[in-house]
Amino acid sequence: SALPQRGLQALLLALLLLGGGSPGAARGHRFCRPVNATIAAEKDDCPVCVTFPAAICSGYCQTKEPVYKSVLTPVSQHVCTYRAVRYETLALPGCPPGVDPAFTFPVALSCHCSLCPMDSSDCTVQSIGPDFCSARGGFASGGPQ
């Protein structure tokens, strides 16, 4: 009968919506959302990095890979990026006189899947990570080793 079939369709739709709207939720993938991460702050003229917790955008976005590729129809993939942010500032220790110790960073309030804003985001396949430090003095006491 049509009634049990409709009931099953409604149940499957409800499970899909509760699971995040994509089959990836059933496989344990986390969808695009703000997550807490450890960030390293540094400036070229300051001797050390400082780590701190901040909300960043992270997670999976639905992607499509065309069967037939053409130079006439470029492929654009969506990435998890900021929708709304607030900016916070901290002072880096040990900066020499004349160097502004202020480090301003975005804090994710909400995220969405969109084309990568290359001017403000790292959209590489494998980045160096948000807690990377290249300062010659390494991390300030208490940071990652």
N, C-alpha and C. Protein backbone atom coordinates (compact mmCIF):
# COMPACT_ATOMS: atom_id res chain seq x y z
N SER A 1 0.84 -1.19 0.00
CA SER A 1 0.00 0.00 0.00
C SER A 1 0.87 1.23 0.00
N ALA A 2 0.32 2.37 -0.40
CA ALA A 2 1.07 3.62 -0.51
C ALA A 2 1.36 4.25 0.85
N LEU A 3 0.52 3.98 1.85
CA LEU A 3 0.70 4.61 3.16
C LEU A 3 2.01 4.20 3.83
N PRO A 4 2.35 2.90 3.93
CA PRO A 4 3.63 2.54 4.55
C PRO A 4 4.82 3.11 3.77
N GLN A 5 4.73 3.16 2.45
CA GLN A 5 5.81 3.71 1.64
C GLN A 5 6.01 5.18 1.96
N ARG A 6 4.94 5.96 2.08
CA ARG A 6 5.04 7.38 2.41
C ARG A 6 5.60 7.56 3.82
N GLY A 7 5.20 6.70 4.74
CA GLY A 7 5.72 6.77 6.10
C GLY A 7 7.22 6.52 6.13
N LEU A 8 7.68 5.55 5.34
CA LEU A 8 9.10 5.25 5.25
C LEU A 8 9.85 6.41 4.63
N GLN A 9 9.29 7.03 3.57
CA GLN A 9 9.92 8.19 2.94
C GLN A 9 10.03 9.34 3.93
N ALA A 10 8.98 9.57 4.71
CA ALA A 10 9.00 10.66 5.70
C ALA A 10 10.05 10.38 6.77
N LEU A 11 10.17 9.12 7.21
CA LEU A 11 11.16 8.76 8.21
C LEU A 11 12.57 8.97 7.67
N LEU A 12 12.81 8.54 6.44
CA LEU A 12 14.13 8.72 5.83
C LEU A 12 14.47 10.20 5.67
N LEU A 13 13.50 11.00 5.27
CA LEU A 13 13.73 12.44 5.14
C LEU A 13 14.05 13.05 6.49
N ALA A 14 13.32 12.66 7.53
CA ALA A 14 13.58 13.19 8.87
C ALA A 14 14.98 12.79 9.36
N LEU A 15 15.38 11.55 9.13
CA LEU A 15 16.71 11.11 9.53
C LEU A 15 17.79 11.87 8.77
N LEU A 16 17.57 12.11 7.50
CA LEU A 16 18.52 12.85 6.69
C LEU A 16 18.67 14.27 7.21
N LEU A 17 17.57 14.93 7.51
CA LEU A 17 17.62 16.30 8.01
C LEU A 17 18.25 16.36 9.40
N LEU A 18 17.92 15.41 10.27
CA LEU A 18 18.52 15.39 11.60
C LEU A 18 20.01 15.05 11.54
N GLY A 19 20.41 14.30 10.53
CA GLY A 19 21.81 13.92 10.40
C GLY A 19 22.65 14.96 9.73
N GLY A 20 22.12 16.13 9.43
CA GLY A 20 22.91 17.19 8.85
C GLY A 20 22.59 17.46 7.40
N GLY A 21 21.69 16.72 6.82
CA GLY A 21 21.27 17.01 5.45
C GLY A 21 22.12 16.38 4.38
N SER A 22 23.05 15.51 4.75
CA SER A 22 23.90 14.89 3.75
C SER A 22 24.29 13.49 4.21
N PRO A 23 24.52 12.58 3.27
CA PRO A 23 24.93 11.23 3.66
C PRO A 23 26.22 11.21 4.46
N GLY A 24 27.06 12.25 4.37
CA GLY A 24 28.31 12.30 5.13
C GLY A 24 28.10 12.23 6.62
N ALA A 25 26.97 12.71 7.12
CA ALA A 25 26.71 12.69 8.55
C ALA A 25 26.65 11.26 9.06
N ALA A 26 26.16 10.37 8.24
CA ALA A 26 26.06 8.97 8.65
C ALA A 26 27.44 8.33 8.74
N ARG A 27 28.42 8.87 8.04
CA ARG A 27 29.77 8.32 8.07
C ARG A 27 30.65 9.00 9.12
N GLY A 28 30.09 9.89 9.93
CA GLY A 28 30.85 10.50 11.01
C GLY A 28 31.56 11.78 10.65
N HIS A 29 31.36 12.31 9.46
CA HIS A 29 31.99 13.58 9.10
C HIS A 29 31.33 14.71 9.86
N ARG A 30 32.10 15.71 10.23
CA ARG A 30 31.57 16.90 10.89
C ARG A 30 31.36 17.97 9.83
N PHE A 31 30.19 18.56 9.85
CA PHE A 31 29.88 19.57 8.86
C PHE A 31 30.41 20.93 9.28
N CYS A 32 30.49 21.83 8.35
CA CYS A 32 31.05 23.17 8.51
C CYS A 32 30.40 23.88 9.70
N ARG A 33 31.25 24.26 10.67
CA ARG A 33 30.76 24.92 11.87
C ARG A 33 31.94 25.53 12.63
N PRO A 34 31.68 26.44 13.57
CA PRO A 34 32.77 26.95 14.41
C PRO A 34 33.26 25.86 15.38
N VAL A 35 34.56 25.72 15.50
CA VAL A 35 35.16 24.79 16.46
C VAL A 35 36.28 25.51 17.20
N ASN A 36 36.55 25.07 18.42
CA ASN A 36 37.65 25.65 19.18
C ASN A 36 38.96 25.07 18.70
N ALA A 37 39.97 25.94 18.54
CA ALA A 37 41.29 25.50 18.08
C ALA A 37 42.35 26.33 18.79
N THR A 38 43.56 25.80 18.82
CA THR A 38 44.70 26.54 19.36
C THR A 38 45.36 27.28 18.22
N ILE A 39 45.49 28.58 18.37
CA ILE A 39 46.06 29.44 17.34
C ILE A 39 47.41 29.97 17.84
N ALA A 40 48.37 30.10 16.95
CA ALA A 40 49.66 30.71 17.29
C ALA A 40 49.72 32.11 16.68
N ALA A 41 50.03 33.08 17.51
CA ALA A 41 50.17 34.46 17.05
C ALA A 41 51.65 34.81 17.00
N GLU A 42 52.07 35.46 15.92
CA GLU A 42 53.46 35.90 15.80
C GLU A 42 53.55 37.08 14.84
N LYS A 43 54.63 37.85 14.99
CA LYS A 43 54.95 38.94 14.08
C LYS A 43 56.43 38.83 13.72
N ASP A 44 56.78 39.32 12.54
CA ASP A 44 58.15 39.19 12.06
C ASP A 44 59.19 39.73 13.03
N ASP A 45 58.97 40.88 13.63
CA ASP A 45 59.98 41.51 14.47
C ASP A 45 59.88 41.15 15.95
N CYS A 46 58.93 40.32 16.32
CA CYS A 46 58.77 39.91 17.71
C CYS A 46 59.40 38.52 17.88
N PRO A 47 60.08 38.28 19.02
CA PRO A 47 60.89 37.06 19.15
C PRO A 47 60.15 35.76 19.40
N VAL A 48 58.91 35.80 19.91
CA VAL A 48 58.23 34.55 20.28
C VAL A 48 56.80 34.51 19.76
N CYS A 49 56.26 33.30 19.75
CA CYS A 49 54.85 33.07 19.42
C CYS A 49 54.07 32.91 20.72
N VAL A 50 52.81 33.25 20.67
CA VAL A 50 51.90 33.04 21.80
C VAL A 50 50.74 32.21 21.28
N THR A 51 50.35 31.19 22.03
CA THR A 51 49.20 30.39 21.63
C THR A 51 47.99 30.77 22.48
N PHE A 52 46.82 30.65 21.88
CA PHE A 52 45.57 30.98 22.57
C PHE A 52 44.44 30.22 21.89
N PRO A 53 43.34 29.99 22.61
CA PRO A 53 42.19 29.33 22.00
C PRO A 53 41.31 30.33 21.26
N ALA A 54 40.77 29.91 20.14
CA ALA A 54 39.85 30.76 19.38
C ALA A 54 38.95 29.87 18.54
N ALA A 55 37.78 30.36 18.19
CA ALA A 55 36.86 29.62 17.32
C ALA A 55 37.23 29.87 15.87
N ILE A 56 37.41 28.79 15.12
CA ILE A 56 37.69 28.86 13.68
C ILE A 56 36.62 28.06 12.96
N CYS A 57 36.54 28.23 11.65
CA CYS A 57 35.60 27.44 10.85
C CYS A 57 36.30 26.16 10.40
N SER A 58 35.59 25.05 10.58
CA SER A 58 36.16 23.77 10.21
C SER A 58 35.03 22.81 9.88
N GLY A 59 35.33 21.86 9.01
CA GLY A 59 34.35 20.84 8.69
C GLY A 59 34.23 20.62 7.20
N TYR A 60 33.37 19.68 6.87
CA TYR A 60 33.19 19.27 5.49
C TYR A 60 32.07 20.04 4.80
N CYS A 61 32.26 20.28 3.51
CA CYS A 61 31.24 20.87 2.66
C CYS A 61 30.98 19.88 1.52
N GLN A 62 29.75 19.84 1.07
CA GLN A 62 29.42 18.95 -0.04
C GLN A 62 30.14 19.43 -1.29
N THR A 63 30.76 18.52 -1.98
CA THR A 63 31.48 18.85 -3.22
C THR A 63 30.97 17.97 -4.35
N LYS A 64 31.19 18.42 -5.56
CA LYS A 64 30.80 17.65 -6.74
C LYS A 64 31.98 17.60 -7.68
N GLU A 65 32.23 16.44 -8.19
CA GLU A 65 33.30 16.25 -9.17
C GLU A 65 32.64 15.88 -10.49
N PRO A 66 32.77 16.74 -11.51
CA PRO A 66 32.11 16.43 -12.78
C PRO A 66 32.73 15.21 -13.47
N VAL A 67 31.90 14.45 -14.15
CA VAL A 67 32.37 13.29 -14.89
C VAL A 67 33.17 13.75 -16.11
N TYR A 68 32.65 14.76 -16.79
CA TYR A 68 33.34 15.31 -17.96
C TYR A 68 33.85 16.70 -17.61
N LYS A 69 35.16 16.89 -17.70
CA LYS A 69 35.76 18.18 -17.38
C LYS A 69 36.04 18.93 -18.67
N SER A 70 35.83 20.24 -18.60
CA SER A 70 36.04 21.08 -19.76
C SER A 70 36.61 22.42 -19.31
N VAL A 71 37.47 23.01 -20.14
CA VAL A 71 38.00 24.33 -19.82
C VAL A 71 36.91 25.40 -19.93
N LEU A 72 35.82 25.07 -20.63
CA LEU A 72 34.73 26.02 -20.78
C LEU A 72 33.86 26.11 -19.53
N THR A 73 33.86 25.06 -18.71
CA THR A 73 33.08 25.07 -17.47
C THR A 73 34.02 24.76 -16.30
N PRO A 74 34.59 25.81 -15.70
CA PRO A 74 35.53 25.57 -14.60
C PRO A 74 34.84 24.94 -13.39
N VAL A 75 35.58 24.12 -12.68
CA VAL A 75 35.08 23.46 -11.49
C VAL A 75 35.36 24.36 -10.29
N SER A 76 34.35 24.61 -9.49
CA SER A 76 34.55 25.41 -8.28
C SER A 76 34.09 24.59 -7.09
N GLN A 77 34.97 24.43 -6.12
CA GLN A 77 34.66 23.66 -4.92
C GLN A 77 34.38 24.61 -3.78
N HIS A 78 33.44 24.24 -2.93
CA HIS A 78 33.13 25.04 -1.76
C HIS A 78 33.96 24.56 -0.57
N VAL A 79 34.34 25.52 0.27
CA VAL A 79 35.10 25.23 1.48
C VAL A 79 34.36 25.81 2.68
N CYS A 80 34.71 25.33 3.86
CA CYS A 80 34.11 25.84 5.09
C CYS A 80 34.81 27.16 5.44
N THR A 81 34.07 28.24 5.46
CA THR A 81 34.66 29.56 5.70
C THR A 81 33.76 30.40 6.59
N TYR A 82 34.26 31.54 7.00
CA TYR A 82 33.54 32.41 7.92
C TYR A 82 32.31 33.05 7.28
N ARG A 83 31.20 33.05 8.01
CA ARG A 83 30.02 33.81 7.62
C ARG A 83 29.99 35.11 8.43
N ALA A 84 30.15 34.99 9.75
CA ALA A 84 30.18 36.15 10.63
C ALA A 84 31.35 36.00 11.60
N VAL A 85 32.07 37.10 11.82
CA VAL A 85 33.22 37.09 12.72
C VAL A 85 33.18 38.30 13.65
N ARG A 86 33.93 38.18 14.72
CA ARG A 86 34.23 39.33 15.56
C ARG A 86 35.76 39.33 15.67
N TYR A 87 36.34 40.50 15.78
CA TYR A 87 37.79 40.60 15.86
C TYR A 87 38.23 40.86 17.29
N GLU A 88 39.28 40.17 17.73
CA GLU A 88 39.86 40.36 19.04
C GLU A 88 41.34 40.67 18.86
N THR A 89 41.92 41.33 19.85
CA THR A 89 43.32 41.72 19.78
C THR A 89 44.03 41.31 21.06
N LEU A 90 45.27 40.80 20.92
CA LEU A 90 46.11 40.52 22.08
C LEU A 90 47.47 41.14 21.84
N ALA A 91 48.23 41.31 22.93
CA ALA A 91 49.57 41.91 22.84
C ALA A 91 50.62 40.80 22.90
N LEU A 92 51.53 40.80 21.93
CA LEU A 92 52.62 39.82 21.91
C LEU A 92 53.73 40.29 22.85
N PRO A 93 54.28 39.39 23.65
CA PRO A 93 55.34 39.79 24.57
C PRO A 93 56.69 39.89 23.88
N GLY A 94 57.56 40.74 24.42
CA GLY A 94 58.94 40.80 23.97
C GLY A 94 59.20 41.54 22.67
N CYS A 95 58.21 42.23 22.13
CA CYS A 95 58.44 42.97 20.89
C CYS A 95 59.36 44.16 21.19
N PRO A 96 60.32 44.43 20.31
CA PRO A 96 61.24 45.54 20.56
C PRO A 96 60.51 46.90 20.47
N PRO A 97 61.11 47.93 21.07
CA PRO A 97 60.52 49.27 20.96
C PRO A 97 60.32 49.66 19.50
N GLY A 98 59.22 50.29 19.21
CA GLY A 98 58.90 50.70 17.85
C GLY A 98 58.11 49.67 17.06
N VAL A 99 57.94 48.47 17.60
CA VAL A 99 57.15 47.43 16.94
C VAL A 99 55.82 47.31 17.68
N ASP A 100 54.74 47.45 16.95
CA ASP A 100 53.41 47.32 17.54
C ASP A 100 53.18 45.87 17.97
N PRO A 101 52.97 45.61 19.27
CA PRO A 101 52.79 44.24 19.73
C PRO A 101 51.37 43.70 19.51
N ALA A 102 50.47 44.52 18.98
CA ALA A 102 49.07 44.10 18.82
C ALA A 102 48.94 43.06 17.70
N PHE A 103 48.22 42.00 18.00
CA PHE A 103 47.91 40.95 17.04
C PHE A 103 46.39 40.81 17.01
N THR A 104 45.78 41.12 15.87
CA THR A 104 44.32 41.07 15.73
C THR A 104 43.95 39.85 14.91
N PHE A 105 42.92 39.12 15.37
CA PHE A 105 42.54 37.88 14.72
C PHE A 105 41.01 37.75 14.69
N PRO A 106 40.49 37.02 13.69
CA PRO A 106 39.04 36.80 13.63
C PRO A 106 38.61 35.65 14.53
N VAL A 107 37.45 35.76 15.13
CA VAL A 107 36.83 34.69 15.91
C VAL A 107 35.54 34.33 15.19
N ALA A 108 35.39 33.08 14.84
CA ALA A 108 34.21 32.64 14.09
C ALA A 108 32.97 32.69 14.97
N LEU A 109 31.96 33.40 14.50
CA LEU A 109 30.65 33.39 15.14
C LEU A 109 29.72 32.42 14.42
N SER A 110 29.87 32.34 13.08
CA SER A 110 29.13 31.37 12.28
C SER A 110 29.93 31.08 11.02
N CYS A 111 29.66 29.93 10.43
CA CYS A 111 30.40 29.47 9.25
C CYS A 111 29.42 29.00 8.19
N HIS A 112 29.91 28.92 6.95
CA HIS A 112 29.10 28.37 5.87
C HIS A 112 30.01 27.84 4.77
N CYS A 113 29.45 27.06 3.88
CA CYS A 113 30.20 26.54 2.74
C CYS A 113 30.09 27.53 1.60
N SER A 114 31.24 27.98 1.10
CA SER A 114 31.27 28.97 0.04
C SER A 114 32.59 28.84 -0.71
N LEU A 115 32.72 29.58 -1.80
CA LEU A 115 34.00 29.60 -2.51
C LEU A 115 35.06 30.18 -1.59
N CYS A 116 36.28 29.74 -1.76
CA CYS A 116 37.37 30.16 -0.88
C CYS A 116 37.72 31.63 -1.08
N PRO A 117 37.65 32.44 -0.01
CA PRO A 117 38.11 33.83 -0.11
C PRO A 117 39.63 33.86 0.04
N MET A 118 40.36 33.74 -1.06
CA MET A 118 41.80 33.59 -1.04
C MET A 118 42.53 34.75 -0.36
N ASP A 119 41.91 35.92 -0.30
CA ASP A 119 42.58 37.06 0.31
C ASP A 119 42.62 36.97 1.84
N SER A 120 41.80 36.09 2.44
CA SER A 120 41.76 36.03 3.90
C SER A 120 41.79 34.61 4.46
N SER A 121 41.87 33.59 3.62
CA SER A 121 41.79 32.22 4.12
C SER A 121 42.85 31.33 3.51
N ASP A 122 43.22 30.28 4.25
CA ASP A 122 44.14 29.26 3.77
C ASP A 122 43.30 28.10 3.26
N CYS A 123 43.17 27.99 1.95
CA CYS A 123 42.30 26.96 1.37
C CYS A 123 43.10 25.87 0.68
N THR A 124 44.29 25.61 1.16
CA THR A 124 45.11 24.55 0.60
C THR A 124 44.58 23.20 1.06
N VAL A 125 45.00 22.16 0.37
CA VAL A 125 44.56 20.81 0.74
C VAL A 125 45.14 20.44 2.10
N GLN A 126 46.40 20.75 2.32
CA GLN A 126 47.03 20.47 3.61
C GLN A 126 47.84 21.70 4.01
N SER A 127 47.32 22.45 4.98
CA SER A 127 47.99 23.67 5.40
C SER A 127 48.99 23.37 6.52
N ILE A 128 49.71 24.40 6.93
CA ILE A 128 50.67 24.22 8.02
C ILE A 128 49.97 24.14 9.38
N GLY A 129 48.71 24.53 9.43
CA GLY A 129 47.95 24.44 10.68
C GLY A 129 47.95 25.76 11.43
N PRO A 130 46.91 25.98 12.23
CA PRO A 130 46.77 27.27 12.90
C PRO A 130 47.72 27.47 14.08
N ASP A 131 48.41 26.40 14.53
CA ASP A 131 49.31 26.55 15.68
C ASP A 131 50.78 26.47 15.27
N PHE A 132 51.09 26.73 14.00
CA PHE A 132 52.47 26.73 13.51
C PHE A 132 53.18 28.00 13.97
N CYS A 133 54.45 27.87 14.37
CA CYS A 133 55.24 29.01 14.81
C CYS A 133 56.56 29.03 14.07
N SER A 134 56.88 30.15 13.45
CA SER A 134 58.17 30.28 12.77
C SER A 134 59.08 31.30 13.45
N ALA A 135 58.65 31.86 14.57
CA ALA A 135 59.46 32.86 15.28
C ALA A 135 60.78 32.25 15.75
N ARG A 136 61.85 33.01 15.67
CA ARG A 136 63.17 32.49 16.02
C ARG A 136 63.26 32.08 17.49
N GLY A 137 62.44 32.67 18.36
CA GLY A 137 62.46 32.32 19.78
C GLY A 137 61.51 31.20 20.14
N GLY A 138 60.77 30.68 19.16
CA GLY A 138 59.81 29.62 19.43
C GLY A 138 58.60 30.16 20.18
N PHE A 139 58.00 29.30 20.98
CA PHE A 139 56.81 29.67 21.73
C PHE A 139 57.19 30.33 23.05
N ALA A 140 56.37 31.29 23.47
CA ALA A 140 56.51 31.86 24.80
C ALA A 140 56.22 30.75 25.81
N SER A 141 56.68 30.89 27.03
CA SER A 141 56.47 29.82 28.02
C SER A 141 55.00 29.46 28.12
N GLY A 142 54.74 28.17 28.15
CA GLY A 142 53.37 27.68 28.23
C GLY A 142 52.80 27.25 26.89
N GLY A 143 53.48 27.57 25.78
CA GLY A 143 52.97 27.21 24.45
C GLY A 143 53.39 25.80 24.07
N PRO A 144 52.93 25.31 22.89
CA PRO A 144 53.32 23.97 22.42
C PRO A 144 54.83 23.88 22.22
N GLN A 145 55.36 22.72 22.38
CA GLN A 145 56.81 22.52 22.21
C GLN A 145 57.09 21.80 20.92
